[in-house]
Amino acid sequence: MKKELTDRQKSIYEFIENFVQIHGYPPTLREIGKEFEIASTFGVKRHIDALVKKGYLIVEGSASRAISLVDPAEKAEEENLNVYSIPLVGRVAAGFPILAEQNIEGKLAIDHNLFSVKPDAFALKVRGDSMINAGIVEGDVVIVSPQTNARNGEIIVAMLADEATLKRFIVKGGDYYLMPENDNYPLISVKNREDFTIIGVVKGVYRFYN
């Protein structure tokens, strides 16, 4: 478990956390010192070192903005909780296919009791409205188990050429379709399409409220 913070350390940590959320990068030692009326950067560094030692912060190198917050998912794993982390990779379309950027945007903490997925599972953020009747809306994060096959009716992440899309996989009359869950979108026939590949089956959905 994380060690308990003093009131001063807690205030400094919360300032750093809020600063990162607002600006997208951490404050410098001088900015922290100005906020808390600490005259020297050495005095600020003593508080930062204590937060690092107690497992709240990471300091990498000697750059002016080298402070980073400890990843909650990684911290949970370190504390041996029933939680593991999976990468949040790019985006997937739930509408007309759009390019899915294959870069890791972050990590998502998953409770073993909620989802049973493979160790190589990943998460994708949904964009679009074609799966609204399945309860999947724009901004949701789908948990995907990587595999190249699917059963009739499963919701999958599929590649069409170099683009990714989220649809329900349908087998009907010897044909294969990607079916949206929105009457405003058409079926997509994928039988004999060389540019069609199943890359995973959706195992769950996360939704965040801001």
Protein backbone atom coordinates (compact mmCIF):
# COMPACT_ATOMS: atom_id res chain seq x y z
CA MET A 1 0.00 0.00 0.00
CA LYS A 2 1.05 3.62 -0.47
CA LYS A 3 2.43 5.30 2.62
CA GLU A 4 0.36 8.01 4.25
CA LEU A 5 1.20 11.58 3.28
CA THR A 6 1.62 14.60 5.52
CA ASP A 7 -0.80 17.45 4.92
CA ARG A 8 1.94 19.39 3.11
CA GLN A 9 2.85 16.46 0.89
CA LYS A 10 -0.80 15.83 0.08
CA SER A 11 -1.29 19.47 -0.93
CA ILE A 12 1.78 19.40 -3.19
CA TYR A 13 0.73 16.11 -4.77
CA GLU A 14 -2.78 17.42 -5.46
CA PHE A 15 -1.31 20.59 -6.99
CA ILE A 16 0.88 18.52 -9.32
CA GLU A 17 -2.04 16.26 -10.23
CA ASN A 18 -4.32 19.20 -11.03
CA PHE A 19 -1.55 21.00 -12.93
CA VAL A 20 -1.04 17.94 -15.18
CA GLN A 21 -4.79 17.62 -15.82
CA ILE A 22 -5.06 21.28 -16.84
CA HIS A 23 -1.84 21.75 -18.81
CA GLY A 24 -0.95 18.24 -19.97
CA TYR A 25 2.54 18.46 -18.46
CA PRO A 26 3.96 18.66 -14.93
CA PRO A 27 5.00 21.83 -13.10
CA THR A 28 8.64 22.78 -12.56
CA LEU A 29 10.19 22.92 -9.10
CA ARG A 30 10.07 26.70 -9.29
CA GLU A 31 6.35 26.67 -10.12
CA ILE A 32 5.68 24.40 -7.15
CA GLY A 33 7.81 26.61 -4.93
CA LYS A 34 5.91 29.72 -6.04
CA GLU A 35 2.55 28.06 -5.32
CA PHE A 36 3.57 27.03 -1.80
CA GLU A 37 5.89 29.96 -1.01
CA ILE A 38 8.94 27.71 -0.69
CA ALA A 39 11.99 29.91 -1.18
CA SER A 40 14.42 27.39 -2.68
CA THR A 41 14.12 24.62 -5.25
CA PHE A 42 16.07 22.46 -2.77
CA GLY A 43 13.18 22.79 -0.33
CA VAL A 44 10.71 21.74 -3.04
CA LYS A 45 12.91 18.81 -4.01
CA ARG A 46 12.79 17.46 -0.46
CA HIS A 47 8.99 17.19 -0.74
CA ILE A 48 9.22 15.65 -4.23
CA ASP A 49 11.76 13.08 -3.02
CA ALA A 50 9.39 12.13 -0.21
CA LEU A 51 6.51 11.68 -2.70
CA VAL A 52 8.76 9.52 -4.87
CA LYS A 53 9.81 7.40 -1.90
CA LYS A 54 6.18 6.91 -0.85
CA GLY A 55 5.20 5.77 -4.36
CA TYR A 56 3.18 8.74 -5.60
CA LEU A 57 5.58 10.30 -8.12
CA ILE A 58 8.32 9.35 -10.55
CA VAL A 59 11.22 11.64 -11.44
CA GLU A 60 13.13 10.73 -14.59
CA GLY A 61 16.30 12.65 -15.34
CA SER A 62 17.15 16.22 -14.48
CA ALA A 63 14.92 18.07 -16.96
CA SER A 64 12.82 20.93 -15.60
CA ARG A 65 9.58 18.99 -16.10
CA ALA A 66 10.78 15.48 -15.23
CA ILE A 67 8.05 14.76 -12.66
CA SER A 68 5.30 12.26 -13.57
CA LEU A 69 2.44 10.68 -11.66
CA VAL A 70 2.56 6.97 -10.92
CA ASP A 71 0.26 5.07 -13.33
CA PRO A 72 -2.74 3.89 -11.20
CA ALA A 73 -2.92 0.60 -13.12
CA GLU A 74 0.76 -0.15 -12.58
CA LYS A 75 0.49 0.84 -8.92
CA ALA A 76 -2.44 -1.52 -8.43
CA GLU A 77 -0.40 -4.36 -9.90
CA GLU A 78 2.52 -3.52 -7.63
CA GLU A 79 0.20 -3.70 -4.64
CA ASN A 80 -0.94 -7.18 -5.75
CA LEU A 81 -4.58 -6.21 -6.09
CA ASN A 82 -6.91 -8.26 -8.25
CA VAL A 83 -6.24 -5.81 -11.08
CA TYR A 84 -4.10 -5.84 -14.22
CA SER A 85 -3.49 -3.24 -16.89
CA ILE A 86 -4.03 -3.40 -20.65
CA PRO A 87 -2.91 -0.90 -23.28
CA LEU A 88 -5.31 1.65 -24.72
CA VAL A 89 -4.45 1.56 -28.42
CA GLY A 90 -5.57 4.21 -30.89
CA ARG A 91 -9.21 4.50 -31.85
CA VAL A 92 -11.82 2.41 -33.63
CA ALA A 93 -14.79 3.56 -35.67
CA ALA A 94 -18.36 2.71 -34.72
CA GLY A 95 -19.76 4.30 -37.84
CA PHE A 96 -17.93 4.48 -41.13
CA PRO A 97 -14.42 3.03 -40.76
CA ILE A 98 -11.64 5.42 -39.85
CA LEU A 99 -7.94 4.85 -39.46
CA ALA A 100 -6.97 3.32 -36.11
CA GLU A 101 -3.64 4.77 -34.97
CA GLN A 102 -1.52 1.92 -33.65
CA ASN A 103 0.11 3.80 -30.80
CA ILE A 104 -0.47 3.27 -27.11
CA GLU A 105 -2.36 6.23 -25.66
CA GLY A 106 -2.40 4.96 -22.09
CA LYS A 107 -3.34 2.03 -19.90
CA LEU A 108 -6.62 0.80 -18.47
CA ALA A 109 -6.91 -0.98 -15.12
CA ILE A 110 -9.08 -4.10 -15.38
CA ASP A 111 -10.53 -6.07 -12.48
CA HIS A 112 -10.28 -9.84 -13.00
CA ASN A 113 -13.75 -10.17 -11.50
CA LEU A 114 -15.29 -8.03 -14.25
CA PHE A 115 -13.56 -9.28 -17.39
CA SER A 116 -11.92 -12.58 -18.23
CA VAL A 117 -9.59 -11.84 -21.12
CA LYS A 118 -6.24 -12.98 -22.45
CA PRO A 119 -3.00 -11.36 -21.24
CA ASP A 120 -2.59 -9.77 -24.68
CA ALA A 121 -5.99 -8.03 -24.55
CA PHE A 122 -6.16 -4.38 -25.48
CA ALA A 123 -8.61 -1.48 -25.30
CA LEU A 124 -9.88 0.84 -28.03
CA LYS A 125 -11.78 4.10 -27.76
CA VAL A 126 -15.00 4.21 -29.81
CA ARG A 127 -15.80 7.02 -32.22
CA GLY A 128 -19.18 7.18 -33.99
CA ASP A 129 -22.76 6.06 -33.40
CA SER A 130 -23.32 2.91 -35.44
CA MET A 131 -23.39 0.61 -32.37
CA ILE A 132 -25.79 2.60 -30.18
CA ASN A 133 -28.48 -0.11 -30.19
CA ALA A 134 -25.91 -2.46 -28.66
CA GLY A 135 -25.28 0.06 -25.88
CA ILE A 136 -21.93 1.22 -27.28
CA VAL A 137 -21.65 4.98 -27.79
CA GLU A 138 -18.98 7.44 -28.81
CA GLY A 139 -16.30 7.83 -26.16
CA ASP A 140 -16.77 4.33 -24.74
CA VAL A 141 -13.73 2.09 -24.40
CA VAL A 142 -14.13 -1.50 -25.62
CA ILE A 143 -12.08 -4.34 -24.16
CA VAL A 144 -10.89 -6.57 -27.00
CA SER A 145 -9.55 -10.12 -26.93
CA PRO A 146 -7.23 -10.58 -29.96
CA GLN A 147 -8.26 -13.38 -32.34
CA THR A 148 -8.75 -13.89 -36.07
CA ASN A 149 -12.10 -15.70 -35.94
CA ALA A 150 -15.52 -15.02 -34.43
CA ARG A 151 -18.86 -16.71 -33.88
CA ASN A 152 -22.05 -15.56 -35.51
CA GLY A 153 -23.45 -12.57 -33.63
CA GLU A 154 -20.31 -11.53 -31.77
CA ILE A 155 -19.21 -7.89 -31.78
CA ILE A 156 -15.79 -7.64 -33.35
CA VAL A 157 -13.07 -5.20 -34.27
CA ALA A 158 -12.31 -5.76 -37.95
CA MET A 159 -9.82 -4.36 -40.41
CA LEU A 160 -10.98 -3.32 -43.88
CA ALA A 161 -7.80 -2.54 -45.80
CA ASP A 162 -5.90 -0.24 -43.42
CA GLU A 163 -8.95 0.89 -41.49
CA ALA A 164 -10.56 -0.48 -38.33
CA THR A 165 -14.23 -0.65 -37.49
CA LEU A 166 -16.46 -2.00 -34.72
CA LYS A 167 -19.45 -4.05 -35.89
CA ARG A 168 -21.45 -7.22 -35.19
CA PHE A 169 -20.24 -10.25 -37.19
CA ILE A 170 -23.10 -11.97 -39.01
CA VAL A 171 -23.11 -15.23 -40.98
CA LYS A 172 -26.20 -15.59 -43.18
CA GLY A 173 -26.95 -17.63 -46.29
CA GLY A 174 -23.33 -18.48 -46.89
CA ASP A 175 -22.30 -14.83 -46.74
CA TYR A 176 -20.46 -12.82 -44.08
CA TYR A 177 -21.48 -9.35 -42.98
CA LEU A 178 -20.47 -6.58 -40.64
CA MET A 179 -23.75 -5.37 -39.18
CA PRO A 180 -24.15 -1.99 -37.48
CA GLU A 181 -26.52 -1.57 -34.54
CA ASN A 182 -28.06 1.58 -36.00
CA ASP A 183 -30.66 1.64 -38.79
CA ASN A 184 -28.92 4.61 -40.41
CA TYR A 185 -25.98 2.42 -41.49
CA PRO A 186 -25.98 -0.37 -44.10
CA LEU A 187 -24.73 -3.94 -43.86
CA ILE A 188 -21.20 -4.42 -45.14
CA SER A 189 -20.65 -7.66 -47.07
CA VAL A 190 -17.15 -9.00 -46.46
CA LYS A 191 -17.27 -12.43 -48.10
CA ASN A 192 -14.24 -12.97 -50.35
CA ARG A 193 -12.83 -9.55 -49.45
CA GLU A 194 -9.08 -9.95 -49.23
CA ASP A 195 -8.78 -6.71 -47.28
CA PHE A 196 -11.04 -7.99 -44.46
CA THR A 197 -9.50 -9.35 -41.26
CA ILE A 198 -10.90 -9.98 -37.80
CA ILE A 199 -8.46 -8.62 -35.22
CA GLY A 200 -10.44 -9.23 -32.05
CA VAL A 201 -13.71 -9.92 -30.26
CA VAL A 202 -15.21 -7.40 -27.84
CA LYS A 203 -15.44 -8.74 -24.29
CA GLY A 204 -16.68 -5.67 -22.47
CA VAL A 205 -17.25 -1.94 -22.47
CA TYR A 206 -15.99 0.79 -20.15
CA ARG A 207 -17.73 4.15 -19.93
CA PHE A 208 -16.33 7.25 -18.26
CA TYR A 209 -18.41 10.19 -17.04
CA ASN A 210 -16.65 13.53 -16.85
